[in-house]
């Protein structure tokens, strides 16, 4: 890692190299990050998932309930997902 890398570049390198699947989403459920391990786990390329709603990766009933879980977390700070 070069010393000229900033914090954002280091974070991106860590996410890309992680052995575990890492997915980050916006508060509206839109996928922002989808690392190579997530590609292997879910069978979708990052380009197919980033910008889409996270629900595309979930079976029912989780798909329908997910937005409510996120909204509850944003309102209360309680993790029930």
PDB file of N, CA and C in Angstrom:
ATOM      1  N   UNK A   1       0.844  -1.177   0.000  1.00  0.00           N
ATOM      2  CA  UNK A   1       0.000   0.000   0.000  1.00  0.00           C
ATOM      3  C   UNK A   1       0.886   1.236   0.000  1.00  0.00           C
ATOM      4  N   UNK A   2       0.618   2.125  -0.876  1.00  0.00           N
ATOM      5  CA  UNK A   2       1.437   3.318  -0.956  1.00  0.00           C
ATOM      6  C   UNK A   2       1.033   4.309   0.126  1.00  0.00           C
ATOM      7  N   UNK A   3       1.987   5.116   0.537  1.00  0.00           N
ATOM      8  CA  UNK A   3       1.704   6.105   1.570  1.00  0.00           C
ATOM      9  C   UNK A   3       0.864   7.260   1.048  1.00  0.00           C
ATOM     10  N   UNK A   4       0.732   7.368  -0.275  1.00  0.00           N
ATOM     11  CA  UNK A   4      -0.067   8.450  -0.834  1.00  0.00           C
ATOM     12  C   UNK A   4      -1.554   8.112  -0.883  1.00  0.00           C
ATOM     13  N   UNK A   5      -1.896   6.864  -0.533  1.00  0.00           N
ATOM     14  CA  UNK A   5      -3.308   6.481  -0.518  1.00  0.00           C
ATOM     15  C   UNK A   5      -4.021   7.170   0.637  1.00  0.00           C
ATOM     16  N   UNK A   6      -5.220   7.626   0.349  1.00  0.00           N
ATOM     17  CA  UNK A   6      -6.021   8.228   1.399  1.00  0.00           C
ATOM     18  C   UNK A   6      -6.891   7.180   2.067  1.00  0.00           C
ATOM     19  N   UNK A   7      -7.640   7.591   3.089  1.00  0.00           N
ATOM     20  CA  UNK A   7      -8.494   6.651   3.819  1.00  0.00           C
ATOM     21  C   UNK A   7      -9.529   5.950   2.934  1.00  0.00           C
ATOM     22  N   UNK A   8     -10.100   6.667   1.963  1.00  0.00           N
ATOM     23  CA  UNK A   8     -11.110   6.067   1.085  1.00  0.00           C
ATOM     24  C   UNK A   8     -10.504   4.967   0.222  1.00  0.00           C
ATOM     25  N   UNK A   9      -9.334   5.215  -0.315  1.00  0.00           N
ATOM     26  CA  UNK A   9      -8.675   4.212  -1.142  1.00  0.00           C
ATOM     27  C   UNK A   9      -8.291   2.982  -0.322  1.00  0.00           C
ATOM     28  N   UNK A  10      -7.839   3.194   0.901  1.00  0.00           N
ATOM     29  CA  UNK A  10      -7.504   2.058   1.776  1.00  0.00           C
ATOM     30  C   UNK A  10      -8.741   1.242   2.103  1.00  0.00           C
ATOM     31  N   UNK A  11      -9.842   1.913   2.408  1.00  0.00           N
ATOM     32  CA  UNK A  11     -11.088   1.205   2.703  1.00  0.00           C
ATOM     33  C   UNK A  11     -11.541   0.392   1.504  1.00  0.00           C
ATOM     34  N   UNK A  12     -11.486   0.969   0.324  1.00  0.00           N
ATOM     35  CA  UNK A  12     -11.876   0.248  -0.883  1.00  0.00           C
ATOM     36  C   UNK A  12     -10.993  -0.974  -1.110  1.00  0.00           C
ATOM     37  N   UNK A  13      -9.697  -0.854  -0.851  1.00  0.00           N
ATOM     38  CA  UNK A  13      -8.784  -1.989  -1.012  1.00  0.00           C
ATOM     39  C   UNK A  13      -9.110  -3.098  -0.023  1.00  0.00           C
ATOM     40  N   UNK A  14      -9.443  -2.733   1.192  1.00  0.00           N
ATOM     41  CA  UNK A  14      -9.804  -3.727   2.211  1.00  0.00           C
ATOM     42  C   UNK A  14     -11.089  -4.453   1.818  1.00  0.00           C
ATOM     43  N   UNK A  15     -12.085  -3.708   1.380  1.00  0.00           N
ATOM     44  CA  UNK A  15     -13.364  -4.308   0.975  1.00  0.00           C
ATOM     45  C   UNK A  15     -13.148  -5.268  -0.188  1.00  0.00           C
ATOM     46  N   UNK A  16     -12.360  -4.866  -1.168  1.00  0.00           N
ATOM     47  CA  UNK A  16     -12.110  -5.709  -2.338  1.00  0.00           C
ATOM     48  C   UNK A  16     -11.357  -6.986  -1.985  1.00  0.00           C
ATOM     49  N   UNK A  17     -10.462  -6.917  -1.009  1.00  0.00           N
ATOM     50  CA  UNK A  17      -9.614  -8.065  -0.658  1.00  0.00           C
ATOM     51  C   UNK A  17     -10.231  -8.961   0.422  1.00  0.00           C
ATOM     52  N   UNK A  18     -11.324  -8.555   1.021  1.00  0.00           N
ATOM     53  CA  UNK A  18     -11.912  -9.305   2.130  1.00  0.00           C
ATOM     54  C   UNK A  18     -12.348 -10.700   1.697  1.00  0.00           C
ATOM     55  N   UNK A  19     -12.130 -11.657   2.576  1.00  0.00           N
ATOM     56  CA  UNK A  19     -12.541 -13.035   2.330  1.00  0.00           C
ATOM     57  C   UNK A  19     -14.056 -13.165   2.477  1.00  0.00           C
ATOM     58  N   UNK A  20     -14.637 -12.376   3.348  1.00  0.00           N
ATOM     59  CA  UNK A  20     -16.073 -12.426   3.599  1.00  0.00           C
ATOM     60  C   UNK A  20     -16.823 -11.479   2.671  1.00  0.00           C
ATOM     61  N   UNK A  21     -18.066 -11.833   2.377  1.00  0.00           N
ATOM     62  CA  UNK A  21     -18.911 -10.980   1.553  1.00  0.00           C
ATOM     63  C   UNK A  21     -19.201  -9.679   2.296  1.00  0.00           C
ATOM     64  N   UNK A  22     -19.015  -8.569   1.619  1.00  0.00           N
ATOM     65  CA  UNK A  22     -19.329  -7.257   2.175  1.00  0.00           C
ATOM     66  C   UNK A  22     -20.242  -6.546   1.194  1.00  0.00           C
ATOM     67  N   UNK A  23     -21.391  -6.124   1.723  1.00  0.00           N
ATOM     68  CA  UNK A  23     -22.360  -5.367   0.938  1.00  0.00           C
ATOM     69  C   UNK A  23     -22.714  -4.143   1.766  1.00  0.00           C
ATOM     70  N   UNK A  24     -22.648  -2.974   1.185  1.00  0.00           N
ATOM     71  CA  UNK A  24     -23.131  -1.788   1.886  1.00  0.00           C
ATOM     72  C   UNK A  24     -24.296  -1.222   1.085  1.00  0.00           C
ATOM     73  N   UNK A  25     -25.240  -0.634   1.828  1.00  0.00           N
ATOM     74  CA  UNK A  25     -26.440  -0.080   1.198  1.00  0.00           C
ATOM     75  C   UNK A  25     -26.683   1.340   1.693  1.00  0.00           C
ATOM     76  N   UNK A  26     -27.428   2.087   0.911  1.00  0.00           N
ATOM     77  CA  UNK A  26     -27.912   3.407   1.327  1.00  0.00           C
ATOM     78  C   UNK A  26     -29.152   3.196   2.193  1.00  0.00           C
ATOM     79  N   UNK A  27     -29.631   4.249   2.798  1.00  0.00           N
ATOM     80  CA  UNK A  27     -30.804   4.130   3.667  1.00  0.00           C
ATOM     81  C   UNK A  27     -32.053   3.701   2.905  1.00  0.00           C
ATOM     82  N   UNK A  28     -32.078   3.885   1.590  1.00  0.00           N
ATOM     83  CA  UNK A  28     -33.238   3.450   0.805  1.00  0.00           C
ATOM     84  C   UNK A  28     -33.115   2.005   0.317  1.00  0.00           C
ATOM     85  N   UNK A  29     -32.044   1.304   0.739  1.00  0.00           N
ATOM     86  CA  UNK A  29     -31.860  -0.095   0.366  1.00  0.00           C
ATOM     87  C   UNK A  29     -31.084  -0.315  -0.911  1.00  0.00           C
ATOM     88  N   UNK A  30     -30.610   0.755  -1.532  1.00  0.00           N
ATOM     89  CA  UNK A  30     -29.841   0.641  -2.764  1.00  0.00           C
ATOM     90  C   UNK A  30     -28.413   0.206  -2.446  1.00  0.00           C
ATOM     91  N   UNK A  31     -27.928  -0.787  -3.166  1.00  0.00           N
ATOM     92  CA  UNK A  31     -26.590  -1.320  -2.930  1.00  0.00           C
ATOM     93  C   UNK A  31     -25.541  -0.329  -3.433  1.00  0.00           C
ATOM     94  N   UNK A  32     -24.562  -0.027  -2.549  1.00  0.00           N
ATOM     95  CA  UNK A  32     -23.442   0.858  -2.900  1.00  0.00           C
ATOM     96  C   UNK A  32     -22.165   0.076  -3.174  1.00  0.00           C
ATOM     97  N   UNK A  33     -21.891  -0.930  -2.353  1.00  0.00           N
ATOM     98  CA  UNK A  33     -20.676  -1.740  -2.488  1.00  0.00           C
ATOM     99  C   UNK A  33     -21.055  -3.214  -2.493  1.00  0.00           C
ATOM    100  N   UNK A  34     -20.348  -3.982  -3.309  1.00  0.00           N
ATOM    101  CA  UNK A  34     -20.602  -5.417  -3.449  1.00  0.00           C
ATOM    102  C   UNK A  34     -19.265  -6.024  -3.826  1.00  0.00           C
ATOM    103  N   UNK A  35     -18.572  -6.622  -2.854  1.00  0.00           N
ATOM    104  CA  UNK A  35     -17.202  -7.060  -3.105  1.00  0.00           C
ATOM    105  C   UNK A  35     -17.139  -8.409  -3.817  1.00  0.00           C
ATOM    106  N   UNK A  36     -15.936  -8.819  -4.275  1.00  0.00           N
ATOM    107  CA  UNK A  36     -15.802 -10.087  -5.001  1.00  0.00           C
ATOM    108  C   UNK A  36     -16.303 -11.307  -4.219  1.00  0.00           C
ATOM    109  N   UNK A  37     -16.148 -11.305  -2.902  1.00  0.00           N
ATOM    110  CA  UNK A  37     -16.669 -12.426  -2.115  1.00  0.00           C
ATOM    111  C   UNK A  37     -18.199 -12.458  -2.151  1.00  0.00           C
ATOM    112  N   UNK A  38     -18.833 -11.295  -2.199  1.00  0.00           N
ATOM    113  CA  UNK A  38     -20.291 -11.236  -2.333  1.00  0.00           C
ATOM    114  C   UNK A  38     -20.706 -11.748  -3.712  1.00  0.00           C
ATOM    115  N   UNK A  39     -19.909 -11.441  -4.732  1.00  0.00           N
ATOM    116  CA  UNK A  39     -20.195 -11.957  -6.073  1.00  0.00           C
ATOM    117  C   UNK A  39     -20.221 -13.485  -6.054  1.00  0.00           C
ATOM    118  N   UNK A  40     -19.232 -14.081  -5.409  1.00  0.00           N
ATOM    119  CA  UNK A  40     -19.177 -15.546  -5.332  1.00  0.00           C
ATOM    120  C   UNK A  40     -20.342 -16.103  -4.533  1.00  0.00           C
ATOM    121  N   UNK A  41     -20.677 -15.457  -3.424  1.00  0.00           N
ATOM    122  CA  UNK A  41     -21.744 -15.950  -2.549  1.00  0.00           C
ATOM    123  C   UNK A  41     -23.113 -15.886  -3.232  1.00  0.00           C
ATOM    124  N   UNK A  42     -23.399 -14.777  -3.900  1.00  0.00           N
ATOM    125  CA  UNK A  42     -24.731 -14.564  -4.450  1.00  0.00           C
ATOM    126  C   UNK A  42     -24.854 -14.900  -5.934  1.00  0.00           C
ATOM    127  N   UNK A  43     -23.724 -15.101  -6.617  1.00  0.00           N
ATOM    128  CA  UNK A  43     -23.783 -15.462  -8.030  1.00  0.00           C
ATOM    129  C   UNK A  43     -24.148 -14.320  -8.949  1.00  0.00           C
ATOM    130  N   UNK A  44     -23.906 -13.094  -8.512  1.00  0.00           N
ATOM    131  CA  UNK A  44     -24.156 -11.899  -9.326  1.00  0.00           C
ATOM    132  C   UNK A  44     -22.891 -11.062  -9.353  1.00  0.00           C
ATOM    133  N   UNK A  45     -22.597 -10.436 -10.477  1.00  0.00           N
ATOM    134  CA  UNK A  45     -21.485  -9.511 -10.564  1.00  0.00           C
ATOM    135  C   UNK A  45     -21.855  -8.191  -9.890  1.00  0.00           C
ATOM    136  N   UNK A  46     -20.854  -7.507  -9.367  1.00  0.00           N
ATOM    137  CA  UNK A  46     -21.089  -6.226  -8.700  1.00  0.00           C
ATOM    138  C   UNK A  46     -21.844  -5.261  -9.618  1.00  0.00           C
ATOM    139  N   UNK A  47     -21.481  -5.235 -10.901  1.00  0.00           N
ATOM    140  CA  UNK A  47     -22.146  -4.326 -11.843  1.00  0.00           C
ATOM    141  C   UNK A  47     -23.635  -4.610 -11.997  1.00  0.00           C
ATOM    142  N   UNK A  48     -24.048  -5.841 -11.725  1.00  0.00           N
ATOM    143  CA  UNK A  48     -25.467  -6.207 -11.814  1.00  0.00           C
ATOM    144  C   UNK A  48     -26.242  -5.796 -10.566  1.00  0.00           C
ATOM    145  N   UNK A  49     -25.528  -5.631  -9.449  1.00  0.00           N
ATOM    146  CA  UNK A  49     -26.185  -5.410  -8.163  1.00  0.00           C
ATOM    147  C   UNK A  49     -26.098  -3.956  -7.703  1.00  0.00           C
ATOM    148  N   UNK A  50     -24.936  -3.330  -7.887  1.00  0.00           N
ATOM    149  CA  UNK A  50     -24.764  -1.951  -7.428  1.00  0.00           C
ATOM    150  C   UNK A  50     -25.778  -1.057  -8.137  1.00  0.00           C
ATOM    151  N   UNK A  51     -26.479  -0.268  -7.339  1.00  0.00           N
ATOM    152  CA  UNK A  51     -27.529   0.609  -7.864  1.00  0.00           C
ATOM    153  C   UNK A  51     -28.907  -0.013  -7.808  1.00  0.00           C
ATOM    154  N   UNK A  52     -28.978  -1.318  -7.529  1.00  0.00           N
ATOM    155  CA  UNK A  52     -30.257  -2.021  -7.397  1.00  0.00           C
ATOM    156  C   UNK A  52     -30.642  -2.106  -5.925  1.00  0.00           C
ATOM    157  N   UNK A  53     -31.891  -2.420  -5.658  1.00  0.00           N
ATOM    158  CA  UNK A  53     -32.350  -2.599  -4.284  1.00  0.00           C
ATOM    159  C   UNK A  53     -31.833  -3.931  -3.748  1.00  0.00           C
ATOM    160  N   UNK A  54     -31.378  -3.933  -2.500  1.00  0.00           N
ATOM    161  CA  UNK A  54     -30.839  -5.132  -1.876  1.00  0.00           C
ATOM    162  C   UNK A  54     -31.824  -6.297  -1.910  1.00  0.00           C
ATOM    163  N   UNK A  55     -33.096  -6.005  -1.953  1.00  0.00           N
ATOM    164  CA  UNK A  55     -34.119  -7.049  -1.981  1.00  0.00           C
ATOM    165  C   UNK A  55     -33.964  -8.022  -3.131  1.00  0.00           C
ATOM    166  N   UNK A  56     -33.280  -7.609  -4.186  1.00  0.00           N
ATOM    167  CA  UNK A  56     -33.100  -8.515  -5.331  1.00  0.00           C
ATOM    168  C   UNK A  56     -32.341  -9.777  -4.938  1.00  0.00           C
ATOM    169  N   UNK A  57     -31.615  -9.727  -3.832  1.00  0.00           N
ATOM    170  CA  UNK A  57     -30.818 -10.877  -3.393  1.00  0.00           C
ATOM    171  C   UNK A  57     -31.548 -11.745  -2.374  1.00  0.00           C
ATOM    172  N   UNK A  58     -32.749 -11.335  -1.972  1.00  0.00           N
ATOM    173  CA  UNK A  58     -33.457 -12.010  -0.887  1.00  0.00           C
ATOM    174  C   UNK A  58     -34.686 -12.753  -1.365  1.00  0.00           C
ATOM    175  N   UNK A  59     -34.950 -13.896  -0.747  1.00  0.00           N
ATOM    176  CA  UNK A  59     -36.225 -14.564  -0.999  1.00  0.00           C
ATOM    177  C   UNK A  59     -37.311 -13.925  -0.132  1.00  0.00           C
ATOM    178  N   UNK A  60     -38.547 -14.147  -0.494  1.00  0.00           N
ATOM    179  CA  UNK A  60     -39.647 -13.750   0.388  1.00  0.00           C
ATOM    180  C   UNK A  60     -39.622 -14.666   1.609  1.00  0.00           C
ATOM    181  N   UNK A  61     -40.041 -14.248   2.755  1.00  0.00           N
ATOM    182  CA  UNK A  61     -40.678 -12.975   3.107  1.00  0.00           C
ATOM    183  C   UNK A  61     -39.676 -11.879   3.460  1.00  0.00           C
ATOM    184  N   UNK A  62     -38.383 -12.176   3.426  1.00  0.00           N
ATOM    185  CA  UNK A  62     -37.369 -11.198   3.818  1.00  0.00           C
ATOM    186  C   UNK A  62     -37.340  -9.992   2.896  1.00  0.00           C
ATOM    187  N   UNK A  63     -37.552 -10.215   1.613  1.00  0.00           N
ATOM    188  CA  UNK A  63     -37.535  -9.115   0.642  1.00  0.00           C
ATOM    189  C   UNK A  63     -38.576  -8.059   1.008  1.00  0.00           C
ATOM    190  N   UNK A  64     -39.784  -8.485   1.295  1.00  0.00           N
ATOM    191  CA  UNK A  64     -40.862  -7.539   1.615  1.00  0.00           C
ATOM    192  C   UNK A  64     -40.653  -6.841   2.951  1.00  0.00           C
ATOM    193  N   UNK A  65     -40.032  -7.524   3.892  1.00  0.00           N
ATOM    194  CA  UNK A  65     -39.865  -6.986   5.237  1.00  0.00           C
ATOM    195  C   UNK A  65     -38.614  -6.125   5.399  1.00  0.00           C
ATOM    196  N   UNK A  66     -37.664  -6.212   4.482  1.00  0.00           N
ATOM    197  CA  UNK A  66     -36.367  -5.575   4.686  1.00  0.00           C
ATOM    198  C   UNK A  66     -36.439  -4.064   4.867  1.00  0.00           C
ATOM    199  N   UNK A  67     -37.206  -3.370   4.046  1.00  0.00           N
ATOM    200  CA  UNK A  67     -37.284  -1.914   4.162  1.00  0.00           C
ATOM    201  C   UNK A  67     -37.806  -1.501   5.532  1.00  0.00           C
ATOM    202  N   UNK A  68     -38.744  -2.258   6.075  1.00  0.00           N
ATOM    203  CA  UNK A  68     -39.257  -1.988   7.419  1.00  0.00           C
ATOM    204  C   UNK A  68     -38.185  -2.179   8.480  1.00  0.00           C
ATOM    205  N   UNK A  69     -37.340  -3.197   8.311  1.00  0.00           N
ATOM    206  CA  UNK A  69     -36.237  -3.419   9.256  1.00  0.00           C
ATOM    207  C   UNK A  69     -35.269  -2.236   9.230  1.00  0.00           C
ATOM    208  N   UNK A  70     -34.942  -1.761   8.033  1.00  0.00           N
ATOM    209  CA  UNK A  70     -34.011  -0.637   7.897  1.00  0.00           C
ATOM    210  C   UNK A  70     -34.635   0.618   8.492  1.00  0.00           C
ATOM    211  N   UNK A  71     -35.899   0.869   8.194  1.00  0.00           N
ATOM    212  CA  UNK A  71     -36.574   2.049   8.730  1.00  0.00           C
ATOM    213  C   UNK A  71     -36.602   2.016  10.255  1.00  0.00           C
ATOM    214  N   UNK A  72     -36.895   0.845  10.824  1.00  0.00           N
ATOM    215  CA  UNK A  72     -36.894   0.709  12.277  1.00  0.00           C
ATOM    216  C   UNK A  72     -35.515   1.030  12.851  1.00  0.00           C
ATOM    217  N   UNK A  73     -34.462   0.518  12.210  1.00  0.00           N
ATOM    218  CA  UNK A  73     -33.105   0.777  12.681  1.00  0.00           C
ATOM    219  C   UNK A  73     -32.781   2.265  12.625  1.00  0.00           C
ATOM    220  N   UNK A  74     -33.137   2.918  11.526  1.00  0.00           N
ATOM    221  CA  UNK A  74     -32.849   4.342  11.386  1.00  0.00           C
ATOM    222  C   UNK A  74     -33.603   5.175  12.418  1.00  0.00           C
ATOM    223  N   UNK A  75     -34.808   4.750  12.778  1.00  0.00           N
ATOM    224  CA  UNK A  75     -35.618   5.490  13.747  1.00  0.00           C
ATOM    225  C   UNK A  75     -35.250   5.204  15.194  1.00  0.00           C
ATOM    226  N   UNK A  76     -34.800   3.970  15.475  1.00  0.00           N
ATOM    227  CA  UNK A  76     -34.589   3.577  16.872  1.00  0.00           C
ATOM    228  C   UNK A  76     -33.146   3.210  17.210  1.00  0.00           C
ATOM    229  N   UNK A  77     -32.356   2.875  16.220  1.00  0.00           N
ATOM    230  CA  UNK A  77     -30.994   2.398  16.475  1.00  0.00           C
ATOM    231  C   UNK A  77     -30.958   0.929  16.858  1.00  0.00           C
ATOM    232  N   UNK A  78     -32.115   0.290  16.941  1.00  0.00           N
ATOM    233  CA  UNK A  78     -32.181  -1.127  17.296  1.00  0.00           C
ATOM    234  C   UNK A  78     -31.999  -1.988  16.055  1.00  0.00           C
ATOM    235  N   UNK A  79     -31.062  -2.946  16.150  1.00  0.00           N
ATOM    236  CA  UNK A  79     -30.814  -3.861  15.035  1.00  0.00           C
ATOM    237  C   UNK A  79     -31.682  -5.093  15.203  1.00  0.00           C
ATOM    238  N   UNK A  80     -32.615  -5.268  14.291  1.00  0.00           N
ATOM    239  CA  UNK A  80     -33.510  -6.428  14.318  1.00  0.00           C
ATOM    240  C   UNK A  80     -33.491  -7.150  12.975  1.00  0.00           C
ATOM    241  N   UNK A  81     -32.504  -6.871  12.179  1.00  0.00           N
ATOM    242  CA  UNK A  81     -32.444  -7.477  10.859  1.00  0.00           C
ATOM    243  C   UNK A  81     -31.924  -8.884  10.991  1.00  0.00           C
TER     244      UNK A  81
END
